[in-house]
Structure formats: structure tokens, C-alpha cells
C-alpha atoms as a PDB file:
ATOM      1  CA  MET A   1       5.738  13.895 -10.793  1.00  0.00           C
ATOM      2  CA  GLN A   2       7.571  11.324 -12.907  1.00  0.00           C
ATOM      3  CA  ILE A   3       8.133   7.775 -11.669  1.00  0.00           C
ATOM      4  CA  GLU A   4      11.207   7.336 -13.819  1.00  0.00           C
ATOM      5  CA  GLY A   5      14.231   8.429 -11.813  1.00  0.00           C
ATOM      6  CA  CYS A   6      12.359   8.933  -8.539  1.00  0.00           C
ATOM      7  CA  VAL A   7      13.435   7.579  -5.158  1.00  0.00           C
ATOM      8  CA  ALA A   8      10.491   6.035  -3.350  1.00  0.00           C
ATOM      9  CA  PHE A   9       9.799   4.682   0.119  1.00  0.00           C
ATOM     10  CA  VAL A  10       6.952   2.166   0.405  1.00  0.00           C
ATOM     11  CA  SER A  11       5.620   0.947   3.754  1.00  0.00           C
ATOM     12  CA  GLY A  12       3.856  -2.388   4.078  1.00  0.00           C
ATOM     13  CA  ALA A  13       5.921  -3.533   1.105  1.00  0.00           C
ATOM     14  CA  ASN A  14       5.975  -7.271   1.787  1.00  0.00           C
ATOM     15  CA  ARG A  15       2.620  -8.186   0.232  1.00  0.00           C
ATOM     16  CA  GLY A  16      -0.549  -7.021  -1.489  1.00  0.00           C
ATOM     17  CA  VAL A  17      -0.668  -3.438  -2.713  1.00  0.00           C
ATOM     18  CA  GLY A  18       2.690  -2.595  -1.134  1.00  0.00           C
ATOM     19  CA  ALA A  19       4.513  -5.380  -2.960  1.00  0.00           C
ATOM     20  CA  CYS A  20       2.794  -4.308  -6.168  1.00  0.00           C
ATOM     21  CA  PHE A  21       3.973  -0.715  -5.634  1.00  0.00           C
ATOM     22  CA  VAL A  22       7.566  -1.905  -5.307  1.00  0.00           C
ATOM     23  CA  GLU A  23       7.285  -4.039  -8.437  1.00  0.00           C
ATOM     24  CA  LYS A  24       5.676  -1.347 -10.599  1.00  0.00           C
ATOM     25  CA  LEU A  25       7.969   1.431  -9.373  1.00  0.00           C
ATOM     26  CA  LEU A  26      10.974  -0.639 -10.411  1.00  0.00           C
ATOM     27  CA  GLU A  27       9.352  -1.560 -13.739  1.00  0.00           C
ATOM     28  CA  GLN A  28       8.726   2.091 -14.549  1.00  0.00           C
ATOM     29  CA  GLY A  29      12.266   3.218 -13.874  1.00  0.00           C
ATOM     30  CA  ALA A  30      12.485   4.330 -10.256  1.00  0.00           C
ATOM     31  CA  ARG A  31      16.109   4.941  -9.372  1.00  0.00           C
ATOM     32  CA  LYS A  32      15.703   3.376  -5.935  1.00  0.00           C
ATOM     33  CA  VAL A  33      12.855   1.896  -3.904  1.00  0.00           C
ATOM     34  CA  TYR A  34      13.098   1.542  -0.143  1.00  0.00           C
ATOM     35  CA  ALA A  35      10.814  -1.339   0.832  1.00  0.00           C
ATOM     36  CA  GLY A  36       9.639  -1.097   4.442  1.00  0.00           C
ATOM     37  CA  ALA A  37       8.280  -4.197   6.163  1.00  0.00           C
ATOM     38  CA  ARG A  38       8.168  -5.708   9.621  1.00  0.00           C
ATOM     39  CA  ASP A  39       9.751  -8.866   8.224  1.00  0.00           C
ATOM     40  CA  ILE A  40      12.159  -7.996   5.429  1.00  0.00           C
ATOM     41  CA  ARG A  41      12.663 -11.704   4.716  1.00  0.00           C
ATOM     42  CA  ALA A  42       9.198 -11.632   3.115  1.00  0.00           C
ATOM     43  CA  LEU A  43      10.236  -9.102   0.473  1.00  0.00           C
ATOM     44  CA  GLY A  44      10.150 -10.739  -2.930  1.00  0.00           C
ATOM     45  CA  SER A  45      12.199  -8.633  -5.344  1.00  0.00           C
ATOM     46  CA  HIS A  46      15.922  -9.170  -5.804  1.00  0.00           C
ATOM     47  CA  ASP A  47      16.388  -6.058  -7.921  1.00  0.00           C
ATOM     48  CA  PRO A  48      19.502  -4.220  -6.665  1.00  0.00           C
ATOM     49  CA  ARG A  49      17.538  -0.967  -6.712  1.00  0.00           C
ATOM     50  CA  MET A  50      15.258  -2.283  -3.949  1.00  0.00           C
ATOM     51  CA  VAL A  51      16.565  -1.531  -0.461  1.00  0.00           C
ATOM     52  CA  PRO A  52      14.927  -3.533   2.368  1.00  0.00           C
ATOM     53  CA  VAL A  53      14.123  -1.550   5.521  1.00  0.00           C
ATOM     54  CA  GLU A  54      12.869  -3.141   8.730  1.00  0.00           C
ATOM     55  CA  LEU A  55       9.867  -1.044   9.704  1.00  0.00           C
ATOM     56  CA  ASP A  56       7.008  -1.078  12.167  1.00  0.00           C
ATOM     57  CA  ILE A  57       5.271   2.252  11.635  1.00  0.00           C
ATOM     58  CA  THR A  58       3.997   2.251  15.233  1.00  0.00           C
ATOM     59  CA  ASN A  59       7.588   2.102  16.504  1.00  0.00           C
ATOM     60  CA  ALA A  60       9.052   5.610  16.815  1.00  0.00           C
ATOM     61  CA  GLU A  61      12.653   4.357  16.638  1.00  0.00           C
ATOM     62  CA  HIS A  62      11.965   2.354  13.472  1.00  0.00           C
ATOM     63  CA  VAL A  63      10.313   5.347  11.806  1.00  0.00           C
ATOM     64  CA  ALA A  64      13.070   7.794  12.736  1.00  0.00           C
ATOM     65  CA  ARG A  65      15.749   5.373  11.563  1.00  0.00           C
ATOM     66  CA  ALA A  66      13.936   4.756   8.278  1.00  0.00           C
ATOM     67  CA  ALA A  67      13.558   8.471   7.565  1.00  0.00           C
ATOM     68  CA  ALA A  68      17.235   9.139   8.280  1.00  0.00           C
ATOM     69  CA  PHE A  69      18.301   6.185   6.134  1.00  0.00           C
ATOM     70  CA  ALA A  70      16.045   7.170   3.235  1.00  0.00           C
ATOM     71  CA  GLU A  71      16.548  10.937   3.346  1.00  0.00           C
ATOM     72  CA  ASP A  72      16.923  10.959  -0.460  1.00  0.00           C
ATOM     73  CA  ALA A  73      13.350   9.708  -0.965  1.00  0.00           C
ATOM     74  CA  ASN A  74      11.101  12.128  -2.855  1.00  0.00           C
ATOM     75  CA  LEU A  75       8.032   9.853  -2.972  1.00  0.00           C
ATOM     76  CA  LEU A  76       6.543   8.438   0.231  1.00  0.00           C
ATOM     77  CA  VAL A  77       3.916   5.720  -0.174  1.00  0.00           C
ATOM     78  CA  ASN A  78       2.109   5.161   3.120  1.00  0.00           C
ATOM     79  CA  ASN A  79       0.567   1.778   2.411  1.00  0.00           C
ATOM     80  CA  ALA A  80       0.883  -0.093   5.722  1.00  0.00           C
ATOM     81  CA  GLY A  81      -2.456  -0.706   7.399  1.00  0.00           C
ATOM     82  CA  ILE A  82      -4.531  -3.257   9.288  1.00  0.00           C
ATOM     83  CA  ASN A  83      -8.171  -4.314   9.343  1.00  0.00           C
ATOM     84  CA  ARG A  84      -9.332  -6.228  12.394  1.00  0.00           C
ATOM     85  CA  LEU A  85     -12.836  -6.759  10.916  1.00  0.00           C
ATOM     86  CA  GLU A  86     -14.637  -5.645  14.068  1.00  0.00           C
ATOM     87  CA  PRO A  87     -17.898  -3.719  14.671  1.00  0.00           C
ATOM     88  CA  ALA A  88     -17.992  -0.866  17.163  1.00  0.00           C
ATOM     89  CA  LEU A  89     -20.109  -2.367  19.963  1.00  0.00           C
ATOM     90  CA  ALA A  90     -20.146  -6.126  19.374  1.00  0.00           C
ATOM     91  CA  ALA A  91     -16.386  -6.416  18.975  1.00  0.00           C
ATOM     92  CA  THR A  92     -14.929  -9.738  20.063  1.00  0.00           C
ATOM     93  CA  ASP A  93     -11.590  -8.022  20.738  1.00  0.00           C
ATOM     94  CA  PRO A  94     -11.944  -4.681  22.534  1.00  0.00           C
ATOM     95  CA  SER A  95      -8.346  -3.789  21.651  1.00  0.00           C
ATOM     96  CA  ALA A  96      -8.973  -3.989  17.901  1.00  0.00           C
ATOM     97  CA  ALA A  97     -10.106  -0.385  17.469  1.00  0.00           C
ATOM     98  CA  ARG A  98      -7.053   0.958  19.278  1.00  0.00           C
ATOM     99  CA  GLU A  99      -4.725  -1.209  17.186  1.00  0.00           C
ATOM    100  CA  GLU A 100      -6.328   0.007  13.959  1.00  0.00           C
ATOM    101  CA  MET A 101      -6.010   3.617  15.076  1.00  0.00           C
ATOM    102  CA  GLU A 102      -2.374   3.094  16.089  1.00  0.00           C
ATOM    103  CA  VAL A 103      -1.453   1.756  12.634  1.00  0.00           C
ATOM    104  CA  ASN A 104      -3.858   3.420  10.227  1.00  0.00           C
ATOM    105  CA  TYR A 105      -3.848   6.882  11.825  1.00  0.00           C
ATOM    106  CA  PHE A 106      -0.928   7.365  14.206  1.00  0.00           C
ATOM    107  CA  GLY A 107       1.473   5.176  12.242  1.00  0.00           C
ATOM    108  CA  THR A 108       0.765   7.075   9.031  1.00  0.00           C
ATOM    109  CA  LEU A 109       1.157  10.374  10.874  1.00  0.00           C
ATOM    110  CA  ASN A 110       4.464   9.154  12.329  1.00  0.00           C
ATOM    111  CA  MET A 111       5.767   8.481   8.824  1.00  0.00           C
ATOM    112  CA  ILE A 112       4.667  11.833   7.441  1.00  0.00           C
ATOM    113  CA  ARG A 113       6.199  13.759  10.320  1.00  0.00           C
ATOM    114  CA  ALA A 114       9.493  11.896   9.958  1.00  0.00           C
ATOM    115  CA  PHE A 115       9.785  12.269   6.171  1.00  0.00           C
ATOM    116  CA  ALA A 116       8.357  15.804   5.856  1.00  0.00           C
ATOM    117  CA  PRO A 117      11.662  17.665   6.385  1.00  0.00           C
ATOM    118  CA  SER A 118      13.401  15.966   3.465  1.00  0.00           C
ATOM    119  CA  LEU A 119      10.286  16.086   1.284  1.00  0.00           C
ATOM    120  CA  ARG A 120      10.041  19.847   1.823  1.00  0.00           C
ATOM    121  CA  LEU A 121      13.527  20.132   0.336  1.00  0.00           C
ATOM    122  CA  SER A 122      12.829  17.863  -2.628  1.00  0.00           C
ATOM    123  CA  GLY A 123       9.291  19.086  -3.341  1.00  0.00           C
ATOM    124  CA  GLY A 124       8.183  15.488  -3.603  1.00  0.00           C
ATOM    125  CA  ALA A 125       4.905  13.718  -2.979  1.00  0.00           C
ATOM    126  CA  ILE A 126       3.124  11.676  -0.316  1.00  0.00           C
ATOM    127  CA  ILE A 127       0.667   8.930  -1.205  1.00  0.00           C
ATOM    128  CA  ASN A 128      -1.678   7.812   1.577  1.00  0.00           C
ATOM    129  CA  VAL A 129      -3.310   4.546   0.569  1.00  0.00           C
ATOM    130  CA  SER A 130      -6.662   4.500   2.327  1.00  0.00           C
ATOM    131  CA  SER A 131     -10.109   3.132   1.454  1.00  0.00           C
ATOM    132  CA  ILE A 132     -13.513   4.376   0.369  1.00  0.00           C
ATOM    133  CA  LEU A 133     -14.489   3.345   3.909  1.00  0.00           C
ATOM    134  CA  ALA A 134     -12.775   6.542   5.053  1.00  0.00           C
ATOM    135  CA  ARG A 135     -15.929   8.277   3.803  1.00  0.00           C
ATOM    136  CA  ILE A 136     -18.651   5.845   4.819  1.00  0.00           C
ATOM    137  CA  ALA A 137     -19.397   3.516   7.728  1.00  0.00           C
ATOM    138  CA  LEU A 138     -19.653  -0.220   7.139  1.00  0.00           C
ATOM    139  CA  PRO A 139     -20.995  -1.526  10.463  1.00  0.00           C
ATOM    140  CA  SER A 140     -19.206  -4.888  10.305  1.00  0.00           C
ATOM    141  CA  MET A 141     -15.851  -3.100  10.347  1.00  0.00           C
ATOM    142  CA  ALA A 142     -16.799   0.177  11.980  1.00  0.00           C
ATOM    143  CA  SER A 143     -13.553   0.640  13.886  1.00  0.00           C
ATOM    144  CA  LEU A 144     -11.571   0.354  10.645  1.00  0.00           C
ATOM    145  CA  CYS A 145     -13.825   2.995   9.076  1.00  0.00           C
ATOM    146  CA  ALA A 146     -13.197   5.301  12.021  1.00  0.00           C
ATOM    147  CA  SER A 147      -9.422   4.929  11.717  1.00  0.00           C
ATOM    148  CA  LYS A 148      -9.520   5.569   7.975  1.00  0.00           C
ATOM    149  CA  ALA A 149     -11.771   8.595   8.440  1.00  0.00           C
ATOM    150  CA  ALA A 150      -9.345  10.025  10.993  1.00  0.00           C
ATOM    151  CA  ALA A 151      -6.451   9.458   8.601  1.00  0.00           C
ATOM    152  CA  LEU A 152      -8.351  11.199   5.788  1.00  0.00           C
ATOM    153  CA  ARG A 153      -8.936  14.310   7.891  1.00  0.00           C
ATOM    154  CA  MET A 154      -5.275  14.243   8.932  1.00  0.00           C
ATOM    155  CA  THR A 155      -4.222  13.933   5.297  1.00  0.00           C
ATOM    156  CA  GLU A 156      -6.219  17.047   4.427  1.00  0.00           C
ATOM    157  CA  GLY A 157      -4.466  18.973   7.178  1.00  0.00           C
ATOM    158  CA  VAL A 158      -1.024  17.760   6.114  1.00  0.00           C
ATOM    159  CA  ARG A 159      -1.822  18.666   2.506  1.00  0.00           C
ATOM    160  CA  ALA A 160      -2.521  22.254   3.540  1.00  0.00           C
ATOM    161  CA  GLU A 161       0.684  22.468   5.590  1.00  0.00           C
ATOM    162  CA  LEU A 162       2.911  21.085   2.854  1.00  0.00           C
ATOM    163  CA  ALA A 163       1.349  22.824  -0.157  1.00  0.00           C
ATOM    164  CA  PRO A 164       3.472  25.986   0.265  1.00  0.00           C
ATOM    165  CA  HIS A 165       6.570  23.765   0.018  1.00  0.00           C
ATOM    166  CA  GLY A 166       5.491  22.195  -3.258  1.00  0.00           C
ATOM    167  CA  VAL A 167       4.786  18.782  -1.713  1.00  0.00           C
ATOM    168  CA  ARG A 168       1.713  17.011  -3.067  1.00  0.00           C
ATOM    169  CA  VAL A 169      -0.322  14.853  -0.683  1.00  0.00           C
ATOM    170  CA  LEU A 170      -2.766  12.413  -2.275  1.00  0.00           C
ATOM    171  CA  SER A 171      -5.505  10.312  -0.671  1.00  0.00           C
ATOM    172  CA  ILE A 172      -6.095   7.027  -2.477  1.00  0.00           C
ATOM    173  CA  LEU A 173      -9.608   5.732  -1.836  1.00  0.00           C
ATOM    174  CA  PRO A 174     -10.185   2.368  -3.516  1.00  0.00           C
ATOM    175  CA  GLY A 175     -13.007  -0.093  -3.102  1.00  0.00           C
ATOM    176  CA  ALA A 176     -12.300  -3.684  -2.091  1.00  0.00           C
ATOM    177  CA  ILE A 177      -8.908  -4.836  -3.394  1.00  0.00           C
ATOM    178  CA  ASP A 178      -8.050  -8.434  -4.229  1.00  0.00           C
ATOM    179  CA  THR A 179      -5.537  -8.980  -1.406  1.00  0.00           C
ATOM    180  CA  ASP A 180      -5.283 -11.112   1.735  1.00  0.00           C
ATOM    181  CA  MET A 181      -6.735  -8.265   3.810  1.00  0.00           C
ATOM    182  CA  SER A 182      -9.983  -8.377   1.808  1.00  0.00           C
ATOM    183  CA  ARG A 183     -10.142 -12.141   1.359  1.00  0.00           C
ATOM    184  CA  ASP A 184     -13.490 -12.353   3.213  1.00  0.00           C
ATOM    185  CA  PHE A 185     -15.042  -9.444   1.319  1.00  0.00           C
ATOM    186  CA  PRO A 186     -17.359 -10.522  -1.529  1.00  0.00           C
ATOM    187  CA  PRO A 187     -16.408  -9.809  -5.145  1.00  0.00           C
ATOM    188  CA  PRO A 188     -16.004  -7.902  -7.320  1.00  0.00           C
ATOM    189  CA  LYS A 189     -12.573  -6.806  -6.119  1.00  0.00           C
ATOM    190  CA  ILE A 190     -10.036  -4.737  -8.018  1.00  0.00           C
ATOM    191  CA  PRO A 191      -6.485  -5.980  -8.694  1.00  0.00           C
ATOM    192  CA  ALA A 192      -3.674  -4.377  -6.709  1.00  0.00           C
ATOM    193  CA  ALA A 193      -2.040  -3.319  -9.977  1.00  0.00           C
ATOM    194  CA  GLU A 194      -5.092  -1.195 -10.812  1.00  0.00           C
ATOM    195  CA  VAL A 195      -4.590   0.777  -7.602  1.00  0.00           C
ATOM    196  CA  VAL A 196      -0.922   1.361  -8.354  1.00  0.00           C
ATOM    197  CA  GLN A 197      -1.580   2.456 -11.928  1.00  0.00           C
ATOM    198  CA  ALA A 198      -4.276   4.873 -10.710  1.00  0.00           C
ATOM    199  CA  VAL A 199      -1.726   6.412  -8.334  1.00  0.00           C
ATOM    200  CA  PHE A 200       0.853   6.806 -11.095  1.00  0.00           C
ATOM    201  CA  ALA A 201      -1.759   8.464 -13.305  1.00  0.00           C
ATOM    202  CA  ALA A 202      -2.767  10.824 -10.488  1.00  0.00           C
ATOM    203  CA  LEU A 203       0.846  11.875  -9.968  1.00  0.00           C
ATOM    204  CA  ARG A 204       0.953  13.002 -13.601  1.00  0.00           C
ATOM    205  CA  GLU A 205      -2.299  14.949 -13.277  1.00  0.00           C
ATOM    206  CA  GLU A 206      -4.045  17.232 -10.796  1.00  0.00           C
ATOM    207  CA  GLY A 207      -6.380  16.322  -7.953  1.00  0.00           C
ATOM    208  CA  ASP A 208      -5.995  15.285  -4.350  1.00  0.00           C
ATOM    209  CA  GLU A 209      -8.458  12.402  -3.890  1.00  0.00           C
ATOM    210  CA  VAL A 210      -8.310   9.361  -6.147  1.00  0.00           C
ATOM    211  CA  TYR A 211     -11.280   6.988  -6.213  1.00  0.00           C
ATOM    212  CA  VAL A 212     -10.175   3.660  -7.639  1.00  0.00           C
ATOM    213  CA  GLY A 213     -12.643   1.149  -9.049  1.00  0.00           C
ATOM    214  CA  THR A 214     -16.337   1.211  -9.800  1.00  0.00           C
ATOM    215  CA  MET A 215     -17.372   0.606  -6.169  1.00  0.00           C
ATOM    216  CA  ALA A 216     -15.461   3.594  -4.813  1.00  0.00           C
ATOM    217  CA  GLN A 217     -16.526   5.869  -7.641  1.00  0.00           C
ATOM    218  CA  GLN A 218     -20.179   4.924  -7.243  1.00  0.00           C
ATOM    219  CA  ILE A 219     -20.135   5.402  -3.464  1.00  0.00           C
ATOM    220  CA  ALA A 220     -18.473   8.809  -3.886  1.00  0.00           C
ATOM    221  CA  ALA A 221     -21.179   9.818  -6.365  1.00  0.00           C
ATOM    222  CA  ASP A 222     -23.928   8.518  -4.062  1.00  0.00           C
ATOM    223  CA  LEU A 223     -22.482  10.427  -1.125  1.00  0.00           C
ATOM    224  CA  ALA A 224     -22.562  13.619  -3.142  1.00  0.00           C
ATOM    225  CA  ALA A 225     -26.179  12.982  -4.134  1.00  0.00           C
ATOM    226  CA  ASP A 226     -27.688  11.603  -0.907  1.00  0.00           C
ATOM    227  CA  ARG A 227     -25.361  10.656   1.915  1.00  0.00           C
ATOM    228  CA  ARG A 228     -28.128   9.425   4.179  1.00  0.00           C
ATOM    229  CA  ALA A 229     -29.504   7.035   1.568  1.00  0.00           C
ATOM    230  CA  ILE A 230     -26.204   5.314   0.805  1.00  0.00           C
ATOM    231  CA  GLN A 231     -25.363   5.042   4.500  1.00  0.00           C
ATOM    232  CA  THR A 232     -28.739   3.358   5.122  1.00  0.00           C
ATOM    233  CA  ILE A 233     -28.070   0.883   2.316  1.00  0.00           C
ATOM    234  CA  LEU A 234     -24.631  -0.045   3.653  1.00  0.00           C
ATOM    235  CA  ALA A 235     -25.950  -0.306   7.217  1.00  0.00           C
ATOM    236  CA  GLY A 236     -28.309  -3.017   5.989  1.00  0.00           C
ATOM    237  CA  GLY A 237     -25.331  -5.146   4.984  1.00  0.00           C
ATOM    238  CA  VAL A 238     -24.013  -5.571   8.540  1.00  0.00           C
END
């Protein structure tokens, strides 16, 4: 898929990786970029090709309205997500796990279901921005890992359903990214632009899972070699 001339919809577009997606899509010639955010006043670009869309992906009315408004989109970037930084049992906020599941799993599913009809017609692509933590448990943020793992399994199912219609569905699995969400995570962290460029490269090539950065690539390799060993190592960094 070519970025030049595409019409994209990006959720969580007001900061971090989402804002970088909007910027790079416009730089590389996207015809139009719908920028979804809870607070559209926080959107930075003034490019006339950027169309602000008020969006809470856990709100069914918002999602349905966004999909109807952006029915010409042929690239859906599901970037919106939250990390409440909570373990499974010693959580200080018992509602954190449910909130993460509502956004990271159900919210992403809401968006895919709403945009799928138009994407089937255009033969476009869906990008689900996830994390390497979809494949491994980090105890200090176990509920986030669970929500990302659920979203990864869902993505695989959606990919199978949409493949006959020529719609590609990619899982993006980076390590720690240098954004506000990962501000408390120790370095090294990859720049948001590196994630976006990896996605653009993947759209030009084949493959369904994209591991971005040395951390993600190493963990993926370790999982293939000895899943139990790498899980034990990460469990020691509670």
C-alpha cells in the first residue's frame, strides 16, 4: 500500500505516536488524514488535509459517527491506548484492568467493526499499534499486558476474516517508545518516528507482525528460543 494519495484515519492523534503518524502521513503525501482525539483542541497540525474528529473509542456513538464521517478512509491506524501501570494482584486501583481492556481491546475492536465495511470496499489496511508486551508478561504492568495480548489474538482473528476482501491487518509490536506513556520506563527507548517509519515500510512489504526496535526484536527471538527463560528474566524485574 502506498502512503502517497491514501486517506487515513488515526486514533489517539493528539500526542506521541499518534501525532507522529499524522505528521508523517501528511509529509509523505496522504491526500487526507482524519485525526481522532478526545480533545481536538490538542491537535497540532494546521495542514488543511488534516481533519479533526472528536473521538473516544470506548464511546459507541463517537465511533459510529467517525466511521460514517470518514467512510473514504482506506488506512485505519488504531493507535489509541492507555497504560495504568498496575500489577494484577497488588493494584492500587482495582478498576485499572477493566479500563485498559475497555480501551486497548474493546475500543480497538469497536473501531475495526465500524470501519470494516468501507475498508472491504477499498481493499485498504488496518494498523493496530500494540506493544511487545502483548507477547510477554511484565508483572509491574500485568493488566496492560493482558489487554494487549487480548487485542493481539483479536487482531489475528480479524486478519483472517478480512483477508478474502484484500484488507491487510498488521500488528505493530514495538519496545518502549519515547512518549509520555513510557516516561517512567528506563531507557533505551525508541523515537515515535521510528515506529511510524517501520509501519510505512511494512505496508510496502509482506508480513503481519512488525517488531520495532532492538528490545522487541530480541524478546521475540528469545520467545522463539526459550519462552520460559525470558519470562523468568522479566518476572525478576517487577
